[in-house]
Amino acid sequence: MNAKHTKILQAIFAKPTASSLRFADIESLVAALGGSVREGDGSRVALHLGGSIKHAHRPHPGKEAKKYQIEEIRLWLEAQGIRP
């Protein structure tokens, strides 16, 4: 995990929840943590990490993840024992 991934992780756990975090950055963080991102139908993706799967939709037409998505990702990462 490099410095960029560390900043992304800190942004996910920041309170109040960030509204300018790109969903692609979340995907790259999952990959850096040893997980994978699998494409689904349409904008659906499955984030795989440590035997756990988080299903999400890529935001469109914008690139920024919605606040509720970031909060769900935060809870999912915490369940995996990942914290900044």
PDB file of N, CA and C in Angstrom:
ATOM      1  N   MET A   1       0.850  -1.169   0.000  1.00  0.00           N
ATOM      2  CA  MET A   1       0.000   0.000   0.000  1.00  0.00           C
ATOM      3  C   MET A   1       0.893   1.228   0.000  1.00  0.00           C
ATOM      4  N   ASN A   2       0.662   2.126  -0.946  1.00  0.00           N
ATOM      5  CA  ASN A   2       1.484   3.325  -1.026  1.00  0.00           C
ATOM      6  C   ASN A   2       0.790   4.510  -0.331  1.00  0.00           C
ATOM      7  N   ALA A   3       1.411   5.667  -0.405  1.00  0.00           N
ATOM      8  CA  ALA A   3       0.900   6.855   0.283  1.00  0.00           C
ATOM      9  C   ALA A   3      -0.490   7.252  -0.231  1.00  0.00           C
ATOM     10  N   LYS A   4      -0.737   7.084  -1.522  1.00  0.00           N
ATOM     11  CA  LYS A   4      -2.050   7.429  -2.086  1.00  0.00           C
ATOM     12  C   LYS A   4      -3.134   6.542  -1.478  1.00  0.00           C
ATOM     13  N   HIS A   5      -2.839   5.254  -1.350  1.00  0.00           N
ATOM     14  CA  HIS A   5      -3.822   4.336  -0.776  1.00  0.00           C
ATOM     15  C   HIS A   5      -4.068   4.648   0.697  1.00  0.00           C
ATOM     16  N   THR A   6      -3.038   5.064   1.399  1.00  0.00           N
ATOM     17  CA  THR A   6      -3.185   5.451   2.798  1.00  0.00           C
ATOM     18  C   THR A   6      -4.116   6.656   2.918  1.00  0.00           C
ATOM     19  N   LYS A   7      -3.972   7.634   2.027  1.00  0.00           N
ATOM     20  CA  LYS A   7      -4.843   8.812   2.039  1.00  0.00           C
ATOM     21  C   LYS A   7      -6.285   8.434   1.725  1.00  0.00           C
ATOM     22  N   ILE A   8      -6.474   7.506   0.802  1.00  0.00           N
ATOM     23  CA  ILE A   8      -7.826   7.053   0.466  1.00  0.00           C
ATOM     24  C   ILE A   8      -8.460   6.378   1.676  1.00  0.00           C
ATOM     25  N   LEU A   9      -7.702   5.523   2.346  1.00  0.00           N
ATOM     26  CA  LEU A   9      -8.208   4.836   3.535  1.00  0.00           C
ATOM     27  C   LEU A   9      -8.579   5.845   4.617  1.00  0.00           C
ATOM     28  N   GLN A  10      -7.744   6.849   4.820  1.00  0.00           N
ATOM     29  CA  GLN A  10      -8.044   7.888   5.808  1.00  0.00           C
ATOM     30  C   GLN A  10      -9.297   8.664   5.415  1.00  0.00           C
ATOM     31  N   ALA A  11      -9.480   8.912   4.116  1.00  0.00           N
ATOM     32  CA  ALA A  11     -10.666   9.635   3.650  1.00  0.00           C
ATOM     33  C   ALA A  11     -11.937   8.815   3.873  1.00  0.00           C
ATOM     34  N   ILE A  12     -11.845   7.500   3.714  1.00  0.00           N
ATOM     35  CA  ILE A  12     -13.006   6.641   3.937  1.00  0.00           C
ATOM     36  C   ILE A  12     -13.425   6.685   5.403  1.00  0.00           C
ATOM     37  N   PHE A  13     -12.449   6.730   6.304  1.00  0.00           N
ATOM     38  CA  PHE A  13     -12.743   6.719   7.734  1.00  0.00           C
ATOM     39  C   PHE A  13     -12.924   8.108   8.320  1.00  0.00           C
ATOM     40  N   ALA A  14     -12.789   9.160   7.524  1.00  0.00           N
ATOM     41  CA  ALA A  14     -12.931  10.536   8.016  1.00  0.00           C
ATOM     42  C   ALA A  14     -14.385  10.818   8.387  1.00  0.00           C
ATOM     43  N   LYS A  15     -14.546  11.609   9.434  1.00  0.00           N
ATOM     44  CA  LYS A  15     -15.870  12.069   9.838  1.00  0.00           C
ATOM     45  C   LYS A  15     -15.851  13.577   9.832  1.00  0.00           C
ATOM     46  N   PRO A  16     -16.769  14.274   9.234  1.00  0.00           N
ATOM     47  CA  PRO A  16     -17.912  13.756   8.497  1.00  0.00           C
ATOM     48  C   PRO A  16     -17.488  13.065   7.205  1.00  0.00           C
ATOM     49  N   THR A  17     -18.380  12.261   6.689  1.00  0.00           N
ATOM     50  CA  THR A  17     -18.093  11.462   5.505  1.00  0.00           C
ATOM     51  C   THR A  17     -17.791  12.354   4.313  1.00  0.00           C
ATOM     52  N   ALA A  18     -16.694  12.032   3.631  1.00  0.00           N
ATOM     53  CA  ALA A  18     -16.269  12.806   2.464  1.00  0.00           C
ATOM     54  C   ALA A  18     -17.271  12.642   1.321  1.00  0.00           C
ATOM     55  N   SER A  19     -17.391  13.670   0.497  1.00  0.00           N
ATOM     56  CA  SER A  19     -18.289  13.584  -0.646  1.00  0.00           C
ATOM     57  C   SER A  19     -17.524  13.708  -1.960  1.00  0.00           C
ATOM     58  N   SER A  20     -16.212  13.754  -1.893  1.00  0.00           N
ATOM     59  CA  SER A  20     -15.421  13.964  -3.106  1.00  0.00           C
ATOM     60  C   SER A  20     -14.472  12.804  -3.390  1.00  0.00           C
ATOM     61  N   LEU A  21     -14.751  11.637  -2.847  1.00  0.00           N
ATOM     62  CA  LEU A  21     -13.895  10.481  -3.037  1.00  0.00           C
ATOM     63  C   LEU A  21     -14.336   9.727  -4.288  1.00  0.00           C
ATOM     64  N   ARG A  22     -13.410   9.531  -5.208  1.00  0.00           N
ATOM     65  CA  ARG A  22     -13.742   8.836  -6.454  1.00  0.00           C
ATOM     66  C   ARG A  22     -13.909   7.341  -6.201  1.00  0.00           C
ATOM     67  N   PHE A  23     -14.908   6.742  -6.837  1.00  0.00           N
ATOM     68  CA  PHE A  23     -15.152   5.320  -6.660  1.00  0.00           C
ATOM     69  C   PHE A  23     -13.981   4.498  -7.192  1.00  0.00           C
ATOM     70  N   ALA A  24     -13.331   4.970  -8.239  1.00  0.00           N
ATOM     71  CA  ALA A  24     -12.162   4.270  -8.790  1.00  0.00           C
ATOM     72  C   ALA A  24     -11.037   4.197  -7.760  1.00  0.00           C
ATOM     73  N   ASP A  25     -10.924   5.212  -6.911  1.00  0.00           N
ATOM     74  CA  ASP A  25      -9.914   5.189  -5.849  1.00  0.00           C
ATOM     75  C   ASP A  25     -10.225   4.100  -4.819  1.00  0.00           C
ATOM     76  N   ILE A  26     -11.498   3.900  -4.530  1.00  0.00           N
ATOM     77  CA  ILE A  26     -11.898   2.833  -3.608  1.00  0.00           C
ATOM     78  C   ILE A  26     -11.543   1.478  -4.214  1.00  0.00           C
ATOM     79  N   GLU A  27     -11.794   1.322  -5.503  1.00  0.00           N
ATOM     80  CA  GLU A  27     -11.454   0.073  -6.182  1.00  0.00           C
ATOM     81  C   GLU A  27      -9.943  -0.180  -6.140  1.00  0.00           C
ATOM     82  N   SER A  28      -9.142   0.853  -6.347  1.00  0.00           N
ATOM     83  CA  SER A  28      -7.692   0.671  -6.316  1.00  0.00           C
ATOM     84  C   SER A  28      -7.206   0.349  -4.904  1.00  0.00           C
ATOM     85  N   LEU A  29      -7.874   0.888  -3.883  1.00  0.00           N
ATOM     86  CA  LEU A  29      -7.525   0.564  -2.503  1.00  0.00           C
ATOM     87  C   LEU A  29      -7.790  -0.908  -2.214  1.00  0.00           C
ATOM     88  N   VAL A  30      -8.932  -1.413  -2.663  1.00  0.00           N
ATOM     89  CA  VAL A  30      -9.258  -2.827  -2.449  1.00  0.00           C
ATOM     90  C   VAL A  30      -8.196  -3.712  -3.098  1.00  0.00           C
ATOM     91  N   ALA A  31      -7.783  -3.353  -4.300  1.00  0.00           N
ATOM     92  CA  ALA A  31      -6.738  -4.124  -4.988  1.00  0.00           C
ATOM     93  C   ALA A  31      -5.411  -4.047  -4.228  1.00  0.00           C
ATOM     94  N   ALA A  32      -5.086  -2.881  -3.692  1.00  0.00           N
ATOM     95  CA  ALA A  32      -3.836  -2.713  -2.948  1.00  0.00           C
ATOM     96  C   ALA A  32      -3.847  -3.501  -1.635  1.00  0.00           C
ATOM     97  N   LEU A  33      -5.032  -3.738  -1.091  1.00  0.00           N
ATOM     98  CA  LEU A  33      -5.152  -4.503   0.145  1.00  0.00           C
ATOM     99  C   LEU A  33      -5.146  -6.007  -0.121  1.00  0.00           C
ATOM    100  N   GLY A  34      -5.001  -6.386  -1.383  1.00  0.00           N
ATOM    101  CA  GLY A  34      -4.942  -7.800  -1.731  1.00  0.00           C
ATOM    102  C   GLY A  34      -6.260  -8.365  -2.215  1.00  0.00           C
ATOM    103  N   GLY A  35      -7.237  -7.510  -2.414  1.00  0.00           N
ATOM    104  CA  GLY A  35      -8.544  -7.950  -2.892  1.00  0.00           C
ATOM    105  C   GLY A  35      -8.640  -7.847  -4.404  1.00  0.00           C
ATOM    106  N   SER A  36      -9.854  -7.995  -4.885  1.00  0.00           N
ATOM    107  CA  SER A  36     -10.080  -7.877  -6.326  1.00  0.00           C
ATOM    108  C   SER A  36     -11.425  -7.216  -6.575  1.00  0.00           C
ATOM    109  N   VAL A  37     -11.564  -6.703  -7.791  1.00  0.00           N
ATOM    110  CA  VAL A  37     -12.800  -6.057  -8.218  1.00  0.00           C
ATOM    111  C   VAL A  37     -13.303  -6.832  -9.424  1.00  0.00           C
ATOM    112  N   ARG A  38     -14.527  -7.316  -9.334  1.00  0.00           N
ATOM    113  CA  ARG A  38     -15.108  -8.083 -10.440  1.00  0.00           C
ATOM    114  C   ARG A  38     -16.295  -7.327 -11.012  1.00  0.00           C
ATOM    115  N   GLU A  39     -16.334  -7.270 -12.325  1.00  0.00           N
ATOM    116  CA  GLU A  39     -17.403  -6.572 -13.029  1.00  0.00           C
ATOM    117  C   GLU A  39     -18.693  -7.381 -12.989  1.00  0.00           C
ATOM    118  N   GLY A  40     -19.808  -6.692 -12.874  1.00  0.00           N
ATOM    119  CA  GLY A  40     -21.118  -7.321 -12.944  1.00  0.00           C
ATOM    120  C   GLY A  40     -21.878  -6.743 -14.119  1.00  0.00           C
ATOM    121  N   ASP A  41     -23.180  -6.841 -14.066  1.00  0.00           N
ATOM    122  CA  ASP A  41     -24.013  -6.277 -15.124  1.00  0.00           C
ATOM    123  C   ASP A  41     -24.121  -4.771 -14.942  1.00  0.00           C
ATOM    124  N   GLY A  42     -24.025  -4.050 -16.040  1.00  0.00           N
ATOM    125  CA  GLY A  42     -24.156  -2.604 -15.997  1.00  0.00           C
ATOM    126  C   GLY A  42     -23.073  -1.959 -15.166  1.00  0.00           C
ATOM    127  N   SER A  43     -23.483  -1.193 -14.168  1.00  0.00           N
ATOM    128  CA  SER A  43     -22.511  -0.493 -13.319  1.00  0.00           C
ATOM    129  C   SER A  43     -22.219  -1.261 -12.030  1.00  0.00           C
ATOM    130  N   ARG A  44     -22.712  -2.468 -11.931  1.00  0.00           N
ATOM    131  CA  ARG A  44     -22.532  -3.265 -10.713  1.00  0.00           C
ATOM    132  C   ARG A  44     -21.124  -3.849 -10.648  1.00  0.00           C
ATOM    133  N   VAL A  45     -20.525  -3.789  -9.455  1.00  0.00           N
ATOM    134  CA  VAL A  45     -19.214  -4.387  -9.217  1.00  0.00           C
ATOM    135  C   VAL A  45     -19.273  -5.167  -7.905  1.00  0.00           C
ATOM    136  N   ALA A  46     -18.404  -6.158  -7.806  1.00  0.00           N
ATOM    137  CA  ALA A  46     -18.262  -6.929  -6.569  1.00  0.00           C
ATOM    138  C   ALA A  46     -16.845  -6.739  -6.074  1.00  0.00           C
ATOM    139  N   LEU A  47     -16.719  -6.236  -4.869  1.00  0.00           N
ATOM    140  CA  LEU A  47     -15.420  -6.032  -4.247  1.00  0.00           C
ATOM    141  C   LEU A  47     -15.140  -7.244  -3.360  1.00  0.00           C
ATOM    142  N   HIS A  48     -14.076  -7.961  -3.651  1.00  0.00           N
ATOM    143  CA  HIS A  48     -13.703  -9.160  -2.902  1.00  0.00           C
ATOM    144  C   HIS A  48     -12.480  -8.841  -2.053  1.00  0.00           C
ATOM    145  N   LEU A  49     -12.581  -9.154  -0.754  1.00  0.00           N
ATOM    146  CA  LEU A  49     -11.449  -8.912   0.140  1.00  0.00           C
ATOM    147  C   LEU A  49     -11.550  -9.859   1.328  1.00  0.00           C
ATOM    148  N   GLY A  50     -10.540 -10.666   1.510  1.00  0.00           N
ATOM    149  CA  GLY A  50     -10.474 -11.551   2.664  1.00  0.00           C
ATOM    150  C   GLY A  50     -11.639 -12.507   2.801  1.00  0.00           C
ATOM    151  N   GLY A  51     -12.142 -13.028   1.707  1.00  0.00           N
ATOM    152  CA  GLY A  51     -13.255 -13.956   1.762  1.00  0.00           C
ATOM    153  C   GLY A  51     -14.617 -13.296   1.888  1.00  0.00           C
ATOM    154  N   SER A  52     -14.655 -11.986   1.920  1.00  0.00           N
ATOM    155  CA  SER A  52     -15.903 -11.242   2.019  1.00  0.00           C
ATOM    156  C   SER A  52     -16.155 -10.498   0.711  1.00  0.00           C
ATOM    157  N   ILE A  53     -17.426 -10.345   0.383  1.00  0.00           N
ATOM    158  CA  ILE A  53     -17.804  -9.672  -0.862  1.00  0.00           C
ATOM    159  C   ILE A  53     -18.716  -8.499  -0.529  1.00  0.00           C
ATOM    160  N   LYS A  54     -18.427  -7.356  -1.152  1.00  0.00           N
ATOM    161  CA  LYS A  54     -19.272  -6.163  -1.029  1.00  0.00           C
ATOM    162  C   LYS A  54     -19.747  -5.793  -2.423  1.00  0.00           C
ATOM    163  N   HIS A  55     -21.048  -5.838  -2.635  1.00  0.00           N
ATOM    164  CA  HIS A  55     -21.609  -5.458  -3.926  1.00  0.00           C
ATOM    165  C   HIS A  55     -21.920  -3.965  -3.910  1.00  0.00           C
ATOM    166  N   ALA A  56     -21.632  -3.316  -5.021  1.00  0.00           N
ATOM    167  CA  ALA A  56     -21.881  -1.877  -5.126  1.00  0.00           C
ATOM    168  C   ALA A  56     -22.146  -1.520  -6.584  1.00  0.00           C
ATOM    169  N   HIS A  57     -22.627  -0.317  -6.790  1.00  0.00           N
ATOM    170  CA  HIS A  57     -22.835   0.216  -8.129  1.00  0.00           C
ATOM    171  C   HIS A  57     -21.902   1.400  -8.313  1.00  0.00           C
ATOM    172  N   ARG A  58     -21.228   1.427  -9.448  1.00  0.00           N
ATOM    173  CA  ARG A  58     -20.412   2.599  -9.760  1.00  0.00           C
ATOM    174  C   ARG A  58     -21.344   3.781  -9.986  1.00  0.00           C
ATOM    175  N   PRO A  59     -20.991   4.908  -9.418  1.00  0.00           N
ATOM    176  CA  PRO A  59     -21.851   6.087  -9.619  1.00  0.00           C
ATOM    177  C   PRO A  59     -21.763   6.574 -11.063  1.00  0.00           C
ATOM    178  N   HIS A  60     -22.866   7.094 -11.546  1.00  0.00           N
ATOM    179  CA  HIS A  60     -22.883   7.672 -12.880  1.00  0.00           C
ATOM    180  C   HIS A  60     -23.979   8.714 -12.912  1.00  0.00           C
ATOM    181  N   PRO A  61     -23.865   9.781 -13.594  1.00  0.00           N
ATOM    182  CA  PRO A  61     -22.818  10.081 -14.556  1.00  0.00           C
ATOM    183  C   PRO A  61     -21.536  10.590 -13.920  1.00  0.00           C
ATOM    184  N   GLY A  62     -21.535  10.935 -12.640  1.00  0.00           N
ATOM    185  CA  GLY A  62     -20.320  11.435 -11.991  1.00  0.00           C
ATOM    186  C   GLY A  62     -19.383  10.305 -11.611  1.00  0.00           C
ATOM    187  N   LYS A  63     -18.229  10.666 -11.060  1.00  0.00           N
ATOM    188  CA  LYS A  63     -17.228   9.687 -10.669  1.00  0.00           C
ATOM    189  C   LYS A  63     -17.123   9.534  -9.156  1.00  0.00           C
ATOM    190  N   GLU A  64     -17.706  10.478  -8.414  1.00  0.00           N
ATOM    191  CA  GLU A  64     -17.569  10.475  -6.965  1.00  0.00           C
ATOM    192  C   GLU A  64     -18.540   9.481  -6.329  1.00  0.00           C
ATOM    193  N   ALA A  65     -18.030   8.745  -5.341  1.00  0.00           N
ATOM    194  CA  ALA A  65     -18.871   7.812  -4.596  1.00  0.00           C
ATOM    195  C   ALA A  65     -19.849   8.609  -3.737  1.00  0.00           C
ATOM    196  N   LYS A  66     -21.039   8.084  -3.588  1.00  0.00           N
ATOM    197  CA  LYS A  66     -22.043   8.715  -2.734  1.00  0.00           C
ATOM    198  C   LYS A  66     -21.652   8.499  -1.273  1.00  0.00           C
ATOM    199  N   LYS A  67     -22.143   9.380  -0.409  1.00  0.00           N
ATOM    200  CA  LYS A  67     -21.799   9.285   1.012  1.00  0.00           C
ATOM    201  C   LYS A  67     -22.221   7.943   1.599  1.00  0.00           C
ATOM    202  N   TYR A  68     -23.402   7.464   1.232  1.00  0.00           N
ATOM    203  CA  TYR A  68     -23.857   6.195   1.790  1.00  0.00           C
ATOM    204  C   TYR A  68     -22.961   5.043   1.339  1.00  0.00           C
ATOM    205  N   GLN A  69     -22.409   5.137   0.118  1.00  0.00           N
ATOM    206  CA  GLN A  69     -21.505   4.094  -0.361  1.00  0.00           C
ATOM    207  C   GLN A  69     -20.216   4.095   0.461  1.00  0.00           C
ATOM    208  N   ILE A  70     -19.691   5.269   0.735  1.00  0.00           N
ATOM    209  CA  ILE A  70     -18.461   5.367   1.521  1.00  0.00           C
ATOM    210  C   ILE A  70     -18.698   4.829   2.931  1.00  0.00           C
ATOM    211  N   GLU A  71     -19.845   5.137   3.515  1.00  0.00           N
ATOM    212  CA  GLU A  71     -20.160   4.645   4.858  1.00  0.00           C
ATOM    213  C   GLU A  71     -20.293   3.122   4.858  1.00  0.00           C
ATOM    214  N   GLU A  72     -20.901   2.550   3.805  1.00  0.00           N
ATOM    215  CA  GLU A  72     -21.013   1.092   3.712  1.00  0.00           C
ATOM    216  C   GLU A  72     -19.647   0.446   3.526  1.00  0.00           C
ATOM    217  N   ILE A  73     -18.782   1.061   2.730  1.00  0.00           N
ATOM    218  CA  ILE A  73     -17.427   0.550   2.527  1.00  0.00           C
ATOM    219  C   ILE A  73     -16.658   0.609   3.847  1.00  0.00           C
ATOM    220  N   ARG A  74     -16.836   1.697   4.603  1.00  0.00           N
ATOM    221  CA  ARG A  74     -16.173   1.839   5.905  1.00  0.00           C
ATOM    222  C   ARG A  74     -16.554   0.680   6.824  1.00  0.00           C
ATOM    223  N   LEU A  75     -17.851   0.391   6.924  1.00  0.00           N
ATOM    224  CA  LEU A  75     -18.304  -0.712   7.777  1.00  0.00           C
ATOM    225  C   LEU A  75     -17.762  -2.053   7.286  1.00  0.00           C
ATOM    226  N   TRP A  76     -17.719  -2.242   5.977  1.00  0.00           N
ATOM    227  CA  TRP A  76     -17.214  -3.479   5.388  1.00  0.00           C
ATOM    228  C   TRP A  76     -15.729  -3.655   5.706  1.00  0.00           C
ATOM    229  N   LEU A  77     -14.949  -2.577   5.577  1.00  0.00           N
ATOM    230  CA  LEU A  77     -13.528  -2.646   5.899  1.00  0.00           C
ATOM    231  C   LEU A  77     -13.310  -2.899   7.389  1.00  0.00           C
ATOM    232  N   GLU A  78     -14.094  -2.251   8.235  1.00  0.00           N
ATOM    233  CA  GLU A  78     -13.976  -2.476   9.676  1.00  0.00           C
ATOM    234  C   GLU A  78     -14.263  -3.932  10.023  1.00  0.00           C
ATOM    235  N   ALA A  79     -15.241  -4.534   9.358  1.00  0.00           N
ATOM    236  CA  ALA A  79     -15.557  -5.951   9.601  1.00  0.00           C
ATOM    237  C   ALA A  79     -14.388  -6.854   9.197  1.00  0.00           C
ATOM    238  N   GLN A  80     -13.566  -6.382   8.263  1.00  0.00           N
ATOM    239  CA  GLN A  80     -12.394  -7.135   7.828  1.00  0.00           C
ATOM    240  C   GLN A  80     -11.185  -6.864   8.732  1.00  0.00           C
ATOM    241  N   GLY A  81     -11.356  -5.949   9.696  1.00  0.00           N
ATOM    242  CA  GLY A  81     -10.268  -5.596  10.601  1.00  0.00           C
ATOM    243  C   GLY A  81      -9.320  -4.563  10.028  1.00  0.00           C
ATOM    244  N   ILE A  82      -9.769  -3.827   9.031  1.00  0.00           N
ATOM    245  CA  ILE A  82      -8.927  -2.817   8.376  1.00  0.00           C
ATOM    246  C   ILE A  82      -9.335  -1.442   8.890  1.00  0.00           C
ATOM    247  N   ARG A  83      -8.345  -0.732   9.397  1.00  0.00           N
ATOM    248  CA  ARG A  83      -8.524   0.632   9.884  1.00  0.00           C
ATOM    249  C   ARG A  83      -7.301   1.438   9.487  1.00  0.00           C
ATOM    250  N   PRO A  84      -7.454   2.765   9.410  1.00  0.00           N
ATOM    251  CA  PRO A  84      -6.284   3.580   9.039  1.00  0.00           C
ATOM    252  C   PRO A  84      -5.216   3.590  10.124  1.00  0.00           C
TER     253      PRO A  84
END
